[in-house]
Amino acid sequence: MMSFLQTGKALYVLAVICFGGIFVRLAAGSFYKKLIKESANMALTKNRYLRNLKQNAEDTYRINMGMNNAAVYLQRQLGNLKFLGFSLSGLENLAGQLTLLSFLAGGVCAFLSYWNRSDNSYIVLYGAAGILGGMLTVVADYGVNLEGKRNQLLISLQDHLENVMWPRLERESGSERSSAAAEAEERREKWKCAHYWQRP
């Protein structure tokens, strides 16, 4: 352990933790950005997730004859979205845990250097590296703003559902109901005519 700390290999571990936290945030941010761009035109989207979401929303609307709370429906659907094998909320949690791990690993390395009576420069080096790595991941978190991108995606999807899809489905169901009523009236008239001529 002493050689691991004194050769500076622990700095590589701290750097990996730091860059891992930054990479996770950047990857999740770019995925959100792509979804936001695709959700601007849901009719022509090529994204498999957005096409499935649109189809599920239409099916749910038709089965239930409407939808009371589109925001809750969309939040539940986004909870099921996977990226790199993680849910998006799981990626956000992983990024936060890597930030805490960066601070913790730097503190542990500084403490072990002190405990093994290493030179003071190693104690300061590992403590500063842990703090710097943690702060870099926090800065990346503010720069990417995953929460803001998630809210922007939810607003875009909710706008499409409530202002584009629901009115179209209402028009379709209204025309289907009117055509069904017209067919029923026509059958009723035919039945009346058939029974009228069968009277003695």
Protein backbone atom coordinates (compact mmCIF):
# COMPACT_ATOMS: atom_id res chain seq x y z
CA MET A 1 0.00 0.00 0.00
CA MET A 2 2.84 2.32 0.84
CA SER A 3 4.43 1.85 -2.60
CA PHE A 4 1.04 2.39 -4.25
CA LEU A 5 0.72 5.78 -2.56
CA GLN A 6 4.35 6.86 -2.91
CA THR A 7 4.66 6.00 -6.59
CA GLY A 8 1.64 8.17 -7.39
CA LYS A 9 -0.49 5.34 -8.79
CA ALA A 10 -3.33 6.46 -6.56
CA LEU A 11 -3.50 9.64 -8.65
CA TYR A 12 -4.48 7.51 -11.66
CA VAL A 13 -7.35 6.01 -9.64
CA LEU A 14 -8.54 9.47 -8.65
CA ALA A 15 -8.31 10.63 -12.27
CA VAL A 16 -10.31 7.62 -13.49
CA ILE A 17 -13.05 8.34 -10.93
CA CYS A 18 -13.14 12.00 -11.91
CA PHE A 19 -13.24 11.39 -15.67
CA GLY A 20 -15.78 8.59 -15.17
CA GLY A 21 -18.13 11.03 -13.44
CA ILE A 22 -17.65 13.61 -16.20
CA PHE A 23 -18.13 11.01 -18.96
CA VAL A 24 -21.36 9.69 -17.44
CA ARG A 25 -22.79 13.20 -17.25
CA LEU A 26 -21.75 14.09 -20.80
CA ALA A 27 -23.13 10.83 -22.21
CA ALA A 28 -26.49 11.26 -20.44
CA GLY A 29 -26.61 14.93 -21.50
CA SER A 30 -26.00 14.10 -25.17
CA PHE A 31 -28.67 11.37 -25.02
CA TYR A 32 -31.19 13.85 -23.58
CA LYS A 33 -30.19 16.40 -26.23
CA LYS A 34 -30.80 13.87 -28.99
CA LEU A 35 -34.21 12.96 -27.57
CA ILE A 36 -35.17 16.65 -27.26
CA LYS A 37 -34.19 17.25 -30.90
CA GLU A 38 -36.14 14.20 -32.09
CA SER A 39 -39.20 15.09 -29.99
CA ALA A 40 -39.56 18.39 -31.87
CA ASN A 41 -41.11 16.42 -34.77
CA MET A 42 -42.65 13.27 -33.35
CA ALA A 43 -44.44 12.43 -36.60
CA LEU A 44 -41.15 11.85 -38.43
CA THR A 45 -38.98 10.66 -35.55
CA LYS A 46 -36.65 7.73 -36.20
CA ASN A 47 -35.89 7.17 -32.52
CA ARG A 48 -37.20 3.77 -31.48
CA TYR A 49 -38.00 4.87 -27.94
CA LEU A 50 -40.02 7.91 -29.07
CA ARG A 51 -41.94 5.87 -31.65
CA ASN A 52 -42.82 3.29 -28.97
CA LEU A 53 -43.83 6.03 -26.55
CA LYS A 54 -46.08 7.61 -29.18
CA GLN A 55 -47.72 4.28 -30.01
CA ASN A 56 -48.21 3.41 -26.32
CA ALA A 57 -49.74 6.83 -25.67
CA GLU A 58 -52.19 6.38 -28.57
CA ASP A 59 -53.14 2.90 -27.37
CA THR A 60 -53.63 4.11 -23.80
CA TYR A 61 -55.76 7.03 -24.99
CA ARG A 62 -57.98 4.78 -27.12
CA ILE A 63 -58.37 2.10 -24.44
CA ASN A 64 -59.22 4.57 -21.68
CA MET A 65 -61.15 6.96 -23.96
CA GLY A 66 -58.80 9.76 -22.94
CA MET A 67 -55.91 10.49 -20.58
CA ASN A 68 -56.27 12.56 -17.43
CA ASN A 69 -52.64 13.32 -16.54
CA ALA A 70 -50.13 13.25 -19.39
CA ALA A 71 -47.27 14.52 -17.17
CA VAL A 72 -47.47 11.53 -14.80
CA TYR A 73 -47.74 9.14 -17.75
CA LEU A 74 -44.61 10.64 -19.35
CA GLN A 75 -42.60 10.59 -16.12
CA ARG A 76 -43.41 6.90 -15.71
CA GLN A 77 -42.42 6.21 -19.33
CA LEU A 78 -39.13 8.11 -18.93
CA GLY A 79 -38.42 6.04 -15.83
CA ASN A 80 -38.37 2.95 -18.06
CA LEU A 81 -35.94 4.47 -20.58
CA LYS A 82 -32.56 2.72 -20.67
CA PHE A 83 -29.18 4.04 -21.82
CA LEU A 84 -25.93 2.06 -21.54
CA GLY A 85 -27.86 -0.53 -19.53
CA PHE A 86 -28.96 2.04 -16.92
CA SER A 87 -32.15 4.00 -16.51
CA LEU A 88 -31.56 7.73 -16.95
CA SER A 89 -32.29 8.37 -13.28
CA GLY A 90 -29.80 5.60 -12.48
CA LEU A 91 -27.17 7.37 -14.60
CA GLU A 92 -27.80 10.62 -12.72
CA ASN A 93 -27.38 8.74 -9.42
CA LEU A 94 -24.20 7.08 -10.67
CA ALA A 95 -22.75 10.47 -11.62
CA GLY A 96 -23.52 11.83 -8.15
CA GLN A 97 -21.97 8.77 -6.51
CA LEU A 98 -18.79 9.19 -8.56
CA THR A 99 -18.55 12.79 -7.33
CA LEU A 100 -18.80 11.63 -3.72
CA LEU A 101 -16.36 8.80 -4.41
CA SER A 102 -13.85 11.29 -5.78
CA PHE A 103 -13.95 13.33 -2.57
CA LEU A 104 -13.87 10.19 -0.44
CA ALA A 105 -11.01 8.51 -2.33
CA GLY A 106 -8.88 11.66 -2.11
CA GLY A 107 -9.51 11.89 1.62
CA VAL A 108 -8.74 8.20 2.17
CA CYS A 109 -5.48 8.43 0.19
CA ALA A 110 -4.44 11.55 2.13
CA PHE A 111 -5.27 9.84 5.44
CA LEU A 112 -3.35 6.68 4.51
CA SER A 113 -0.36 8.81 3.50
CA TYR A 114 -0.52 10.50 6.90
CA TRP A 115 -0.99 7.18 8.70
CA ASN A 116 2.05 5.66 7.00
CA ARG A 117 4.07 8.77 7.88
CA SER A 118 4.66 9.73 4.29
CA ASP A 119 6.03 13.07 3.29
CA ASN A 120 3.60 15.96 3.76
CA SER A 121 3.62 16.60 0.03
CA TYR A 122 1.78 13.27 -0.57
CA ILE A 123 -0.86 14.16 2.00
CA VAL A 124 -1.47 17.52 0.36
CA LEU A 125 -1.27 16.02 -3.14
CA TYR A 126 -3.94 13.36 -2.57
CA GLY A 127 -6.20 15.65 -0.57
CA ALA A 128 -6.01 18.33 -3.25
CA ALA A 129 -6.48 15.79 -6.08
CA GLY A 130 -9.62 14.39 -4.44
CA ILE A 131 -11.09 17.84 -3.89
CA LEU A 132 -10.15 18.99 -7.40
CA GLY A 133 -11.62 15.85 -8.99
CA GLY A 134 -14.84 16.21 -7.04
CA MET A 135 -15.13 19.88 -7.95
CA LEU A 136 -14.54 19.13 -11.64
CA THR A 137 -17.41 16.64 -11.65
CA VAL A 138 -19.64 19.21 -9.90
CA VAL A 139 -18.73 21.82 -12.54
CA ALA A 140 -19.51 19.27 -15.28
CA ASP A 141 -22.84 18.58 -13.57
CA TYR A 142 -23.79 22.27 -13.66
CA GLY A 143 -22.56 22.56 -17.25
CA VAL A 144 -24.55 19.58 -18.53
CA ASN A 145 -27.64 20.31 -16.36
CA LEU A 146 -29.29 16.88 -16.62
CA GLU A 147 -32.31 17.96 -14.56
CA GLY A 148 -32.98 20.89 -16.90
CA LYS A 149 -32.67 18.67 -19.98
CA ARG A 150 -35.03 16.12 -18.43
CA ASN A 151 -37.63 18.82 -17.74
CA GLN A 152 -37.21 20.20 -21.27
CA LEU A 153 -37.80 16.73 -22.73
CA LEU A 154 -40.88 16.21 -20.55
CA ILE A 155 -42.32 19.59 -21.62
CA SER A 156 -41.68 18.83 -25.30
CA LEU A 157 -43.34 15.41 -25.07
CA GLN A 158 -46.28 16.73 -23.04
CA ASP A 159 -46.78 19.52 -25.58
CA HIS A 160 -46.94 16.98 -28.40
CA LEU A 161 -49.37 14.72 -26.55
CA GLU A 162 -51.76 17.42 -25.36
CA ASN A 163 -51.64 19.83 -28.32
CA VAL A 164 -51.12 17.52 -31.29
CA MET A 165 -51.99 13.92 -30.52
CA TRP A 166 -55.06 14.30 -28.27
CA PRO A 167 -56.93 16.69 -30.64
CA ARG A 168 -56.22 14.37 -33.59
CA LEU A 169 -57.43 11.31 -31.67
CA GLU A 170 -60.55 13.20 -30.52
CA ARG A 171 -61.35 14.13 -34.12
CA GLU A 172 -60.83 10.53 -35.24
CA SER A 173 -62.98 9.11 -32.45
CA GLY A 174 -65.66 11.76 -33.12
CA SER A 175 -65.80 10.88 -36.83
CA GLU A 176 -65.87 7.16 -35.95
CA ARG A 177 -68.76 7.74 -33.54
CA SER A 178 -70.71 9.79 -36.09
CA SER A 179 -70.18 7.19 -38.82
CA ALA A 180 -71.21 4.43 -36.42
CA ALA A 181 -74.34 6.40 -35.49
CA ALA A 182 -75.13 6.95 -39.17
CA GLU A 183 -74.74 3.23 -39.88
CA ALA A 184 -76.97 2.35 -36.93
CA GLU A 185 -79.63 4.79 -38.15
CA GLU A 186 -79.41 3.35 -41.63
CA ARG A 187 -79.86 -0.19 -40.30
CA ARG A 188 -82.81 0.97 -38.23
CA GLU A 189 -84.48 2.53 -41.28
CA LYS A 190 -83.93 -0.63 -43.33
CA TRP A 191 -85.39 -2.72 -40.53
CA LYS A 192 -88.46 -0.43 -40.33
CA CYS A 193 -88.97 -0.62 -44.10
CA ALA A 194 -88.60 -4.41 -44.16
CA HIS A 195 -91.12 -4.83 -41.32
CA TYR A 196 -93.55 -2.31 -42.89
CA TRP A 197 -93.80 -4.31 -46.12
CA GLN A 198 -94.19 -7.57 -44.22
CA ARG A 199 -97.41 -6.41 -42.54
CA PRO A 200 -100.58 -8.20 -43.73
